[in-house]
C-alpha atoms as a PDB file:
ATOM      1  CA  MET A   1       0.000   0.000   0.000  1.00  0.00           C
ATOM      2  CA  ALA A   2       1.041   3.613  -0.497  1.00  0.00           C
ATOM      3  CA  ARG A   3       2.443   5.601   2.422  1.00  0.00           C
ATOM      4  CA  THR A   4      -0.627   7.850   2.295  1.00  0.00           C
ATOM      5  CA  PRO A   5      -4.212   7.152   1.143  1.00  0.00           C
ATOM      6  CA  SER A   6      -4.825   7.591  -2.575  1.00  0.00           C
ATOM      7  CA  ARG A   7      -7.593  10.130  -1.983  1.00  0.00           C
ATOM      8  CA  SER A   8      -9.063  12.174   0.828  1.00  0.00           C
ATOM      9  CA  ALA A   9     -12.605  10.984   1.414  1.00  0.00           C
ATOM     10  CA  PRO A  10     -15.086  13.631   2.574  1.00  0.00           C
ATOM     11  CA  ALA A  11     -15.960  13.837   6.246  1.00  0.00           C
ATOM     12  CA  ALA A  12     -19.134  12.048   7.213  1.00  0.00           C
ATOM     13  CA  ARG A  13     -22.113  14.204   8.090  1.00  0.00           C
ATOM     14  CA  LEU A  14     -24.124  13.698  11.255  1.00  0.00           C
ATOM     15  CA  SER A  15     -27.862  13.646  10.647  1.00  0.00           C
ATOM     16  CA  GLU A  16     -30.099  15.932  12.682  1.00  0.00           C
ATOM     17  CA  ILE A  17     -32.811  13.276  12.738  1.00  0.00           C
ATOM     18  CA  GLU A  18     -34.758  13.012  15.983  1.00  0.00           C
ATOM     19  CA  LEU A  19     -33.663   9.883  17.830  1.00  0.00           C
ATOM     20  CA  PRO A  20     -35.246   8.192  20.843  1.00  0.00           C
ATOM     21  CA  PRO A  21     -33.472   8.360  24.212  1.00  0.00           C
ATOM     22  CA  LEU A  22     -31.260   5.404  25.005  1.00  0.00           C
ATOM     23  CA  ASP A  23     -32.842   2.751  27.216  1.00  0.00           C
ATOM     24  CA  PRO A  24     -29.921   0.921  28.858  1.00  0.00           C
ATOM     25  CA  ASP A  25     -32.303  -1.295  30.827  1.00  0.00           C
ATOM     26  CA  SER A  26     -34.111  -2.732  27.810  1.00  0.00           C
ATOM     27  CA  ARG A  27     -34.129  -6.433  27.037  1.00  0.00           C
ATOM     28  CA  VAL A  28     -32.298  -8.001  24.135  1.00  0.00           C
ATOM     29  CA  TRP A  29     -34.182  -8.152  20.830  1.00  0.00           C
ATOM     30  CA  PRO A  30     -36.201 -11.330  20.180  1.00  0.00           C
ATOM     31  CA  ASP A  31     -34.596 -14.046  18.108  1.00  0.00           C
ATOM     32  CA  ARG A  32     -35.584 -16.797  15.717  1.00  0.00           C
ATOM     33  CA  GLY A  33     -33.760 -19.693  14.100  1.00  0.00           C
ATOM     34  CA  VAL A  34     -32.991 -19.764  10.366  1.00  0.00           C
ATOM     35  CA  ARG A  35     -30.987 -22.224   8.283  1.00  0.00           C
ATOM     36  CA  ALA A  36     -28.616 -20.841   5.629  1.00  0.00           C
ATOM     37  CA  ASN A  37     -25.484 -22.229   3.968  1.00  0.00           C
ATOM     38  CA  GLY A  38     -26.014 -25.411   5.997  1.00  0.00           C
ATOM     39  CA  ALA A  39     -25.760 -23.609   9.354  1.00  0.00           C
ATOM     40  CA  ASP A  40     -28.430 -23.056  11.996  1.00  0.00           C
ATOM     41  CA  LEU A  41     -28.374 -19.309  12.561  1.00  0.00           C
ATOM     42  CA  CYS A  42     -29.806 -17.117  15.291  1.00  0.00           C
ATOM     43  CA  ILE A  43     -31.314 -13.889  13.912  1.00  0.00           C
ATOM     44  CA  ARG A  44     -32.474 -11.081  16.199  1.00  0.00           C
ATOM     45  CA  HIS A  45     -35.065  -8.590  15.017  1.00  0.00           C
ATOM     46  CA  ALA A  46     -35.708  -4.961  15.983  1.00  0.00           C
ATOM     47  CA  PRO A  47     -38.935  -4.192  14.076  1.00  0.00           C
ATOM     48  CA  ALA A  48     -39.332  -0.800  12.471  1.00  0.00           C
ATOM     49  CA  LEU A  49     -41.446   1.882  14.076  1.00  0.00           C
ATOM     50  CA  VAL A  50     -42.660   3.097  10.662  1.00  0.00           C
ATOM     51  CA  GLU A  51     -44.430   1.396   7.775  1.00  0.00           C
ATOM     52  CA  ASP A  52     -42.663   0.355   4.572  1.00  0.00           C
ATOM     53  CA  ALA A  53     -39.267   0.602   6.242  1.00  0.00           C
ATOM     54  CA  GLU A  54     -36.169  -0.418   4.321  1.00  0.00           C
ATOM     55  CA  PRO A  55     -34.253  -3.410   5.731  1.00  0.00           C
ATOM     56  CA  ALA A  56     -30.910  -3.400   7.532  1.00  0.00           C
ATOM     57  CA  LEU A  57     -28.603  -6.265   8.523  1.00  0.00           C
ATOM     58  CA  LEU A  58     -25.933  -5.884  11.222  1.00  0.00           C
ATOM     59  CA  VAL A  59     -22.895  -8.205  11.357  1.00  0.00           C
ATOM     60  CA  HIS A  60     -20.816  -8.496  14.557  1.00  0.00           C
ATOM     61  CA  GLY A  61     -17.094  -9.050  15.013  1.00  0.00           C
ATOM     62  CA  LEU A  62     -14.847 -11.866  16.226  1.00  0.00           C
ATOM     63  CA  GLY A  63     -16.133 -13.410  19.446  1.00  0.00           C
ATOM     64  CA  GLY A  64     -19.120 -11.070  19.430  1.00  0.00           C
ATOM     65  CA  SER A  65     -22.784 -11.602  18.704  1.00  0.00           C
ATOM     66  CA  ALA A  66     -26.023  -9.858  17.810  1.00  0.00           C
ATOM     67  CA  LEU A  67     -26.105  -8.506  21.379  1.00  0.00           C
ATOM     68  CA  ASN A  68     -23.352  -6.051  20.379  1.00  0.00           C
ATOM     69  CA  TRP A  69     -25.981  -4.110  18.406  1.00  0.00           C
ATOM     70  CA  THR A  70     -28.787  -3.844  20.972  1.00  0.00           C
ATOM     71  CA  ASP A  71     -28.723  -0.074  21.579  1.00  0.00           C
ATOM     72  CA  PHE A  72     -27.634   0.842  18.044  1.00  0.00           C
ATOM     73  CA  ALA A  73     -30.530  -1.186  16.610  1.00  0.00           C
ATOM     74  CA  GLY A  74     -32.877   0.665  18.943  1.00  0.00           C
ATOM     75  CA  GLN A  75     -31.827   3.900  17.246  1.00  0.00           C
ATOM     76  CA  LEU A  76     -32.011   2.544  13.692  1.00  0.00           C
ATOM     77  CA  ARG A  77     -35.478   1.041  14.047  1.00  0.00           C
ATOM     78  CA  THR A  78     -36.961   4.552  14.074  1.00  0.00           C
ATOM     79  CA  ARG A  79     -36.583   4.397  10.265  1.00  0.00           C
ATOM     80  CA  LEU A  80     -35.475   0.858   9.364  1.00  0.00           C
ATOM     81  CA  ASP A  81     -36.433  -2.773   9.877  1.00  0.00           C
ATOM     82  CA  VAL A  82     -33.321  -4.117  11.593  1.00  0.00           C
ATOM     83  CA  GLU A  83     -31.974  -7.656  11.802  1.00  0.00           C
ATOM     84  CA  MET A  84     -28.821  -8.795  13.598  1.00  0.00           C
ATOM     85  CA  ILE A  85     -27.125 -12.067  12.705  1.00  0.00           C
ATOM     86  CA  ASP A  86     -25.124 -14.409  14.929  1.00  0.00           C
ATOM     87  CA  LEU A  87     -22.431 -15.792  12.629  1.00  0.00           C
ATOM     88  CA  PRO A  88     -21.870 -19.586  12.700  1.00  0.00           C
ATOM     89  CA  GLY A  89     -20.257 -20.653  15.960  1.00  0.00           C
ATOM     90  CA  HIS A  90     -20.955 -17.249  17.546  1.00  0.00           C
ATOM     91  CA  GLY A  91     -23.703 -16.117  19.885  1.00  0.00           C
ATOM     92  CA  TYR A  92     -26.555 -18.617  19.791  1.00  0.00           C
ATOM     93  CA  SER A  93     -25.952 -19.862  16.233  1.00  0.00           C
ATOM     94  CA  GLY A  94     -24.880 -23.432  15.636  1.00  0.00           C
ATOM     95  CA  PRO A  95     -21.455 -24.426  14.309  1.00  0.00           C
ATOM     96  CA  SER A  96     -20.275 -24.308  10.727  1.00  0.00           C
ATOM     97  CA  PRO A  97     -21.334 -27.658   9.202  1.00  0.00           C
ATOM     98  CA  ARG A  98     -17.947 -27.883   7.463  1.00  0.00           C
ATOM     99  CA  ARG A  99     -15.931 -26.550  10.423  1.00  0.00           C
ATOM    100  CA  ASN A 100     -14.985 -23.727   8.096  1.00  0.00           C
ATOM    101  CA  TYR A 101     -14.743 -20.341   9.807  1.00  0.00           C
ATOM    102  CA  SER A 102     -12.785 -18.487   7.149  1.00  0.00           C
ATOM    103  CA  LEU A 103     -13.796 -14.972   6.174  1.00  0.00           C
ATOM    104  CA  ALA A 104     -14.868 -16.274   2.774  1.00  0.00           C
ATOM    105  CA  GLU A 105     -17.162 -18.860   4.391  1.00  0.00           C
ATOM    106  CA  HIS A 106     -18.669 -16.307   6.776  1.00  0.00           C
ATOM    107  CA  ALA A 107     -19.371 -14.071   3.762  1.00  0.00           C
ATOM    108  CA  ARG A 108     -21.030 -16.982   1.943  1.00  0.00           C
ATOM    109  CA  THR A 109     -23.266 -17.515   4.974  1.00  0.00           C
ATOM    110  CA  VAL A 110     -24.344 -13.856   5.063  1.00  0.00           C
ATOM    111  CA  ILE A 111     -25.039 -13.931   1.318  1.00  0.00           C
ATOM    112  CA  ALA A 112     -26.997 -17.176   1.660  1.00  0.00           C
ATOM    113  CA  TYR A 113     -29.095 -15.671   4.443  1.00  0.00           C
ATOM    114  CA  LEU A 114     -29.829 -12.516   2.436  1.00  0.00           C
ATOM    115  CA  ASP A 115     -30.813 -14.620  -0.573  1.00  0.00           C
ATOM    116  CA  ARG A 116     -33.021 -16.844   1.569  1.00  0.00           C
ATOM    117  CA  SER A 117     -34.703 -13.992   3.423  1.00  0.00           C
ATOM    118  CA  ALA A 118     -35.372 -12.027   0.206  1.00  0.00           C
ATOM    119  CA  ARG A 119     -34.960  -8.796   2.206  1.00  0.00           C
ATOM    120  CA  GLY A 120     -32.259  -7.368  -0.025  1.00  0.00           C
ATOM    121  CA  PRO A 121     -30.943  -5.018  -0.909  1.00  0.00           C
ATOM    122  CA  VAL A 122     -30.211  -4.089   2.703  1.00  0.00           C
ATOM    123  CA  HIS A 123     -28.357  -1.394   4.543  1.00  0.00           C
ATOM    124  CA  LEU A 124     -25.403  -3.544   5.606  1.00  0.00           C
ATOM    125  CA  VAL A 125     -23.446  -2.674   8.754  1.00  0.00           C
ATOM    126  CA  GLY A 126     -20.392  -4.574   9.989  1.00  0.00           C
ATOM    127  CA  ASN A 127     -17.999  -4.182  12.913  1.00  0.00           C
ATOM    128  CA  SER A 128     -14.439  -5.528  13.063  1.00  0.00           C
ATOM    129  CA  MET A 129     -14.431  -9.019  11.495  1.00  0.00           C
ATOM    130  CA  GLY A 130     -18.047  -8.320  10.526  1.00  0.00           C
ATOM    131  CA  GLY A 131     -16.823  -5.237   8.670  1.00  0.00           C
ATOM    132  CA  GLU A 132     -14.366  -7.316   6.635  1.00  0.00           C
ATOM    133  CA  ILE A 133     -17.149  -9.830   5.928  1.00  0.00           C
ATOM    134  CA  SER A 134     -19.531  -7.035   4.907  1.00  0.00           C
ATOM    135  CA  LEU A 135     -16.909  -5.638   2.508  1.00  0.00           C
ATOM    136  CA  ARG A 136     -16.733  -9.032   0.836  1.00  0.00           C
ATOM    137  CA  VAL A 137     -20.517  -9.274   0.569  1.00  0.00           C
ATOM    138  CA  ALA A 138     -20.753  -5.792  -0.957  1.00  0.00           C
ATOM    139  CA  ALA A 139     -17.952  -6.510  -3.444  1.00  0.00           C
ATOM    140  CA  GLN A 140     -19.317  -9.910  -4.504  1.00  0.00           C
ATOM    141  CA  ARG A 141     -23.039  -9.149  -4.501  1.00  0.00           C
ATOM    142  CA  PRO A 142     -23.700  -5.442  -5.042  1.00  0.00           C
ATOM    143  CA  ASP A 143     -27.332  -6.304  -5.757  1.00  0.00           C
ATOM    144  CA  LEU A 144     -27.778  -7.159  -2.057  1.00  0.00           C
ATOM    145  CA  VAL A 145     -26.415  -3.925  -0.576  1.00  0.00           C
ATOM    146  CA  ARG A 146     -28.086  -0.475  -0.553  1.00  0.00           C
ATOM    147  CA  THR A 147     -25.471   1.186   1.648  1.00  0.00           C
ATOM    148  CA  LEU A 148     -22.455  -0.101   3.557  1.00  0.00           C
ATOM    149  CA  THR A 149     -21.359   1.028   7.016  1.00  0.00           C
ATOM    150  CA  LEU A 150     -17.993  -0.165   8.321  1.00  0.00           C
ATOM    151  CA  ILE A 151     -17.194   0.254  12.014  1.00  0.00           C
ATOM    152  CA  SER A 152     -13.484  -0.432  12.615  1.00  0.00           C
ATOM    153  CA  PRO A 153     -13.385  -3.140   9.919  1.00  0.00           C
ATOM    154  CA  ALA A 154     -10.632  -5.726  10.474  1.00  0.00           C
ATOM    155  CA  VAL A 155      -8.895  -5.115   7.146  1.00  0.00           C
ATOM    156  CA  PRO A 156      -5.254  -6.093   6.530  1.00  0.00           C
ATOM    157  CA  ASP A 157      -2.873  -3.500   7.886  1.00  0.00           C
ATOM    158  CA  VAL A 158      -0.965  -1.336   5.428  1.00  0.00           C
ATOM    159  CA  ARG A 159       2.097  -1.925   7.604  1.00  0.00           C
ATOM    160  CA  ARG A 160       2.576  -5.675   7.623  1.00  0.00           C
ATOM    161  CA  LEU A 161       4.687  -5.972  10.760  1.00  0.00           C
ATOM    162  CA  ARG A 162       2.814  -3.517  12.972  1.00  0.00           C
ATOM    163  CA  LEU A 163       0.539  -6.149  14.622  1.00  0.00           C
ATOM    164  CA  HIS A 164      -1.537  -3.446  16.276  1.00  0.00           C
ATOM    165  CA  PRO A 165      -3.782  -5.826  18.338  1.00  0.00           C
ATOM    166  CA  LEU A 166      -0.788  -7.150  20.286  1.00  0.00           C
ATOM    167  CA  LYS A 167      -0.405  -3.730  21.899  1.00  0.00           C
ATOM    168  CA  ALA A 168      -3.609  -4.418  23.802  1.00  0.00           C
ATOM    169  CA  ASN A 169      -2.660  -7.964  24.773  1.00  0.00           C
ATOM    170  CA  PRO A 170       0.598  -9.612  23.582  1.00  0.00           C
ATOM    171  CA  LEU A 171      -0.758 -13.026  24.640  1.00  0.00           C
ATOM    172  CA  MET A 172      -3.268 -12.875  21.753  1.00  0.00           C
ATOM    173  CA  VAL A 173      -0.536 -14.287  19.500  1.00  0.00           C
ATOM    174  CA  LEU A 174      -0.911 -17.621  21.317  1.00  0.00           C
ATOM    175  CA  LEU A 175      -4.474 -17.978  20.066  1.00  0.00           C
ATOM    176  CA  VAL A 176      -3.430 -18.271  16.417  1.00  0.00           C
ATOM    177  CA  LEU A 177      -0.641 -20.807  16.991  1.00  0.00           C
ATOM    178  CA  PRO A 178      -1.571 -24.472  16.343  1.00  0.00           C
ATOM    179  CA  GLY A 179      -1.563 -26.494  19.521  1.00  0.00           C
ATOM    180  CA  LEU A 180      -1.402 -23.454  21.786  1.00  0.00           C
ATOM    181  CA  GLY A 181      -4.640 -21.705  20.904  1.00  0.00           C
ATOM    182  CA  GLY A 182      -6.902 -24.348  22.403  1.00  0.00           C
ATOM    183  CA  ALA A 183      -4.888 -24.482  25.626  1.00  0.00           C
ATOM    184  CA  ALA A 184      -4.921 -20.701  25.888  1.00  0.00           C
ATOM    185  CA  LEU A 185      -8.710 -20.558  25.449  1.00  0.00           C
ATOM    186  CA  ARG A 186      -9.239 -23.307  28.026  1.00  0.00           C
ATOM    187  CA  ARG A 187      -7.118 -21.376  30.482  1.00  0.00           C
ATOM    188  CA  ILE A 188      -9.119 -18.223  29.806  1.00  0.00           C
ATOM    189  CA  GLY A 189     -12.303 -20.258  30.227  1.00  0.00           C
ATOM    190  CA  ARG A 190     -11.410 -21.109  33.820  1.00  0.00           C
ATOM    191  CA  ALA A 191     -12.086 -17.484  34.779  1.00  0.00           C
ATOM    192  CA  SER A 192     -15.653 -16.486  35.604  1.00  0.00           C
ATOM    193  CA  ALA A 193     -17.932 -15.362  32.779  1.00  0.00           C
ATOM    194  CA  GLU A 194     -18.171 -11.884  34.297  1.00  0.00           C
ATOM    195  CA  SER A 195     -14.391 -11.602  34.520  1.00  0.00           C
ATOM    196  CA  ARG A 196     -14.023 -12.579  30.864  1.00  0.00           C
ATOM    197  CA  VAL A 197     -16.678 -10.123  29.707  1.00  0.00           C
ATOM    198  CA  ARG A 198     -15.146  -7.298  31.716  1.00  0.00           C
ATOM    199  CA  GLY A 199     -11.746  -8.131  30.249  1.00  0.00           C
ATOM    200  CA  THR A 200     -13.199  -7.933  26.741  1.00  0.00           C
ATOM    201  CA  MET A 201     -14.809  -4.570  27.484  1.00  0.00           C
ATOM    202  CA  ARG A 202     -11.457  -3.190  28.624  1.00  0.00           C
ATOM    203  CA  ILE A 203     -10.086  -4.022  25.175  1.00  0.00           C
ATOM    204  CA  VAL A 204     -12.962  -2.974  22.901  1.00  0.00           C
ATOM    205  CA  LEU A 205     -14.094   0.189  24.753  1.00  0.00           C
ATOM    206  CA  ALA A 206     -12.092   3.328  25.442  1.00  0.00           C
ATOM    207  CA  ASP A 207     -14.010   3.778  28.699  1.00  0.00           C
ATOM    208  CA  PRO A 208     -15.719   0.594  29.991  1.00  0.00           C
ATOM    209  CA  SER A 209     -17.619   2.603  32.610  1.00  0.00           C
ATOM    210  CA  ARG A 210     -19.875   3.869  29.806  1.00  0.00           C
ATOM    211  CA  TYR A 211     -21.200   0.363  29.166  1.00  0.00           C
ATOM    212  CA  PRO A 212     -24.596  -0.106  30.866  1.00  0.00           C
ATOM    213  CA  ALA A 213     -24.798  -2.639  33.693  1.00  0.00           C
ATOM    214  CA  GLN A 214     -27.779  -4.356  32.048  1.00  0.00           C
ATOM    215  CA  ARG A 215     -25.822  -4.887  28.832  1.00  0.00           C
ATOM    216  CA  LEU A 216     -22.929  -6.333  30.803  1.00  0.00           C
ATOM    217  CA  ALA A 217     -25.292  -8.735  32.570  1.00  0.00           C
ATOM    218  CA  GLN A 218     -26.789  -9.832  29.241  1.00  0.00           C
ATOM    219  CA  ASP A 219     -23.308 -10.504  27.862  1.00  0.00           C
ATOM    220  CA  VAL A 220     -22.412 -12.521  30.951  1.00  0.00           C
ATOM    221  CA  THR A 221     -25.524 -14.674  30.525  1.00  0.00           C
ATOM    222  CA  GLU A 222     -24.641 -15.340  26.894  1.00  0.00           C
ATOM    223  CA  THR A 223     -21.038 -16.205  27.878  1.00  0.00           C
ATOM    224  CA  GLU A 224     -22.310 -18.661  30.471  1.00  0.00           C
ATOM    225  CA  ASP A 225     -24.634 -20.251  27.918  1.00  0.00           C
ATOM    226  CA  ARG A 226     -21.811 -20.585  25.397  1.00  0.00           C
ATOM    227  CA  ALA A 227     -19.739 -22.542  27.909  1.00  0.00           C
ATOM    228  CA  ALA A 228     -22.039 -25.505  27.169  1.00  0.00           C
ATOM    229  CA  MET A 229     -21.568 -25.252  23.383  1.00  0.00           C
ATOM    230  CA  ALA A 230     -18.963 -27.788  22.259  1.00  0.00           C
ATOM    231  CA  TRP A 231     -18.097 -25.798  19.144  1.00  0.00           C
ATOM    232  CA  ALA A 232     -17.581 -22.377  20.769  1.00  0.00           C
ATOM    233  CA  ASN A 233     -13.796 -22.542  21.253  1.00  0.00           C
ATOM    234  CA  GLU A 234     -13.162 -24.020  17.821  1.00  0.00           C
ATOM    235  CA  ALA A 235     -15.258 -21.307  16.154  1.00  0.00           C
ATOM    236  CA  MET A 236     -13.301 -18.610  17.979  1.00  0.00           C
ATOM    237  CA  LEU A 237      -9.906 -20.088  17.143  1.00  0.00           C
ATOM    238  CA  ARG A 238     -10.615 -20.829  13.494  1.00  0.00           C
ATOM    239  CA  SER A 239     -12.220 -17.413  12.944  1.00  0.00           C
ATOM    240  CA  MET A 240      -9.209 -15.714  14.510  1.00  0.00           C
ATOM    241  CA  ARG A 241      -6.833 -17.747  12.354  1.00  0.00           C
ATOM    242  CA  GLY A 242      -8.872 -16.777   9.307  1.00  0.00           C
ATOM    243  CA  LEU A 243      -8.322 -13.123  10.172  1.00  0.00           C
ATOM    244  CA  ALA A 244      -4.597 -13.744  10.672  1.00  0.00           C
ATOM    245  CA  MET A 245      -4.310 -15.533   7.313  1.00  0.00           C
ATOM    246  CA  ASN A 246      -6.059 -12.640   5.636  1.00  0.00           C
ATOM    247  CA  GLN A 247      -3.694 -10.155   7.284  1.00  0.00           C
ATOM    248  CA  LEU A 248      -0.511 -12.026   6.423  1.00  0.00           C
ATOM    249  CA  PHE A 249      -1.199 -13.640   3.054  1.00  0.00           C
ATOM    250  CA  ARG A 250      -4.236 -12.086   1.348  1.00  0.00           C
ATOM    251  CA  ALA A 251      -3.805  -8.363   1.891  1.00  0.00           C
ATOM    252  CA  ARG A 252      -3.424  -7.475  -1.787  1.00  0.00           C
ATOM    253  CA  SER A 253      -6.569  -9.317  -2.918  1.00  0.00           C
ATOM    254  CA  THR A 254      -8.545  -7.933   0.024  1.00  0.00           C
ATOM    255  CA  TRP A 255      -7.669  -4.324  -0.788  1.00  0.00           C
ATOM    256  CA  ALA A 256      -8.470  -4.966  -4.455  1.00  0.00           C
ATOM    257  CA  ALA A 257     -11.909  -6.230  -3.433  1.00  0.00           C
ATOM    258  CA  ILE A 258     -12.497  -3.118  -1.311  1.00  0.00           C
ATOM    259  CA  GLY A 259     -12.009  -1.051  -4.440  1.00  0.00           C
ATOM    260  CA  ARG A 260     -14.860  -2.913  -6.145  1.00  0.00           C
ATOM    261  CA  VAL A 261     -17.480  -1.832  -3.594  1.00  0.00           C
ATOM    262  CA  GLN A 262     -20.179   0.166  -5.372  1.00  0.00           C
ATOM    263  CA  ALA A 263     -22.494   1.036  -2.485  1.00  0.00           C
ATOM    264  CA  PRO A 264     -22.391   4.419  -0.751  1.00  0.00           C
ATOM    265  CA  THR A 265     -20.176   3.746   2.258  1.00  0.00           C
ATOM    266  CA  LEU A 266     -19.562   5.152   5.733  1.00  0.00           C
ATOM    267  CA  VAL A 267     -16.233   4.387   7.431  1.00  0.00           C
ATOM    268  CA  LEU A 268     -16.524   4.917  11.194  1.00  0.00           C
ATOM    269  CA  TRP A 269     -13.632   4.489  13.631  1.00  0.00           C
ATOM    270  CA  GLY A 270     -12.692   5.285  17.205  1.00  0.00           C
ATOM    271  CA  ASP A 271      -9.380   7.039  17.773  1.00  0.00           C
ATOM    272  CA  GLN A 272      -8.710   4.806  20.807  1.00  0.00           C
ATOM    273  CA  ASP A 273      -9.174   1.526  18.906  1.00  0.00           C
ATOM    274  CA  LYS A 274      -6.819  -1.058  20.430  1.00  0.00           C
ATOM    275  CA  LEU A 275      -7.546  -3.825  17.937  1.00  0.00           C
ATOM    276  CA  VAL A 276      -7.469  -2.229  14.464  1.00  0.00           C
ATOM    277  CA  ALA A 277      -5.214   0.786  13.921  1.00  0.00           C
ATOM    278  CA  PRO A 278      -7.309   3.986  13.641  1.00  0.00           C
ATOM    279  CA  ASP A 279      -5.137   5.415  10.856  1.00  0.00           C
ATOM    280  CA  LEU A 280      -6.524   2.700   8.568  1.00  0.00           C
ATOM    281  CA  ALA A 281      -9.776   4.680   8.410  1.00  0.00           C
ATOM    282  CA  GLY A 282      -8.319   6.951   5.742  1.00  0.00           C
ATOM    283  CA  TYR A 283      -7.045   4.025   3.684  1.00  0.00           C
ATOM    284  CA  VAL A 284     -10.378   2.186   3.734  1.00  0.00           C
ATOM    285  CA  ALA A 285     -12.315   5.330   2.852  1.00  0.00           C
ATOM    286  CA  ALA A 286      -9.824   6.116   0.083  1.00  0.00           C
ATOM    287  CA  ALA A 287     -10.220   2.644  -1.418  1.00  0.00           C
ATOM    288  CA  VAL A 288     -14.039   2.776  -1.645  1.00  0.00           C
ATOM    289  CA  PRO A 289     -15.108   5.029  -4.537  1.00  0.00           C
ATOM    290  CA  ASP A 290     -18.246   6.462  -2.863  1.00  0.00           C
ATOM    291  CA  SER A 291     -17.283   6.912   0.778  1.00  0.00           C
ATOM    292  CA  ARG A 292     -17.169   9.274   3.700  1.00  0.00           C
ATOM    293  CA  VAL A 293     -15.212   8.902   6.935  1.00  0.00           C
ATOM    294  CA  LEU A 294     -15.600   9.807  10.600  1.00  0.00           C
ATOM    295  CA  VAL A 295     -13.101   9.175  13.410  1.00  0.00           C
ATOM    296  CA  LEU A 296     -14.693   9.596  16.835  1.00  0.00           C
ATOM    297  CA  THR A 297     -12.710  11.077  19.718  1.00  0.00           C
ATOM    298  CA  ASP A 298     -12.176   8.977  22.866  1.00  0.00           C
ATOM    299  CA  ILE A 299     -13.984   5.965  21.393  1.00  0.00           C
ATOM    300  CA  GLY A 300     -12.646   2.428  21.055  1.00  0.00           C
ATOM    301  CA  HIS A 301     -13.161  -0.527  18.714  1.00  0.00           C
ATOM    302  CA  THR A 302     -16.952  -0.824  19.015  1.00  0.00           C
ATOM    303  CA  ALA A 303     -18.328   2.668  18.457  1.00  0.00           C
ATOM    304  CA  MET A 304     -21.901   1.379  18.130  1.00  0.00           C
ATOM    305  CA  MET A 305     -21.691   0.051  21.716  1.00  0.00           C
ATOM    306  CA  GLU A 306     -19.817   2.967  23.262  1.00  0.00           C
ATOM    307  CA  ASP A 307     -21.653   5.812  21.514  1.00  0.00           C
ATOM    308  CA  PRO A 308     -24.714   4.363  19.752  1.00  0.00           C
ATOM    309  CA  GLN A 309     -26.386   7.725  19.150  1.00  0.00           C
ATOM    310  CA  THR A 310     -23.469   9.430  17.380  1.00  0.00           C
ATOM    311  CA  SER A 311     -22.905   6.228  15.421  1.00  0.00           C
ATOM    312  CA  ALA A 312     -26.578   6.245  14.415  1.00  0.00           C
ATOM    313  CA  ARG A 313     -26.444   9.901  13.380  1.00  0.00           C
ATOM    314  CA  ALA A 314     -23.459   9.197  11.140  1.00  0.00           C
ATOM    315  CA  PHE A 315     -25.322   6.213   9.686  1.00  0.00           C
ATOM    316  CA  PHE A 316     -28.456   8.265   8.977  1.00  0.00           C
ATOM    317  CA  GLY A 317     -26.282  10.992   7.475  1.00  0.00           C
ATOM    318  CA  LEU A 318     -25.066   8.398   4.967  1.00  0.00           C
ATOM    319  CA  LEU A 319     -28.635   7.370   4.147  1.00  0.00           C
ATOM    320  CA  GLU A 320     -29.755  10.961   3.689  1.00  0.00           C
ATOM    321  CA  ASP A 321     -26.822  11.764   1.410  1.00  0.00           C
ATOM    322  CA  ALA A 322     -27.386   8.614  -0.658  1.00  0.00           C
ATOM    323  CA  ALA A 323     -31.096   9.441  -1.010  1.00  0.00           C
ATOM    324  CA  ALA A 324     -30.294  12.992  -2.115  1.00  0.00           C
ATOM    325  CA  VAL A 325     -27.935  11.710  -4.810  1.00  0.00           C
ATOM    326  CA  ALA A 326     -30.551   9.197  -5.984  1.00  0.00           C
ATOM    327  CA  ARG A 327     -33.184  11.955  -6.276  1.00  0.00           C
ATOM    328  CA  SER A 328     -30.860  14.203  -8.267  1.00  0.00           C
END
């Protein structure tokens, strides 16, 4: 990659749309089971508050789930019909039937679900690994994507040897090494579910104290439930190795695919991201022909969890701009 981005994408605009107040004590969105690409998927649904709403699909990151979108979806449903997918082996979805947790396979699953649901084209939103997956979906099937929103997408770094995530936790390297990853996860698993969730929040949020207690409790319950799922550790390890393979060996093809995205795109990042280097925001936005970019101050890797309202305003700004272009 070049030392500097190939173009300066315009700054994203925050919509002035009226949004509902956050309700940190609300329950998680209801779920249903769906089968796609041979996997039994859990899909959560935040129904629209208006008639004839356009559809949206939200895709979580590595080790996450549809619960990561609870408050953000509550903002989006004022105008959209929102679904959140648990990727195979994540959340309450079943395992990959082929034990394949590569980025390409995750993208095939999302595409298969969109084809099966016949909801497309959708407003597609992805965070971290889900952002990389969403990029692939948009590049391969532009007919399925109205707009694309990328929140700290886990794209290959432009500096191959930087290994930005290891700054947060150098022991993460053990998880991608054959023979050591399983032992490392089992050791982590001996800690309480609450301890593990709090540890994750310290990595993905700039300020964990902002995370509502009810959301933390819901995450702990899900973590406890996943302890009984035989495939959970394998899904985590193989998904992480898929990300590492993409970083080390498929960077060129990944960046080429980013350049094929046709949908109007928002690139949203937190300047305190410990997992994906914030300076990549400019490179991603530069690579997508129709893009705008916003880097949020004092926000970490999961902006939609840490500041769901600003994230939603940036998202609606994208939709308003895209609609204005379509009308003209």
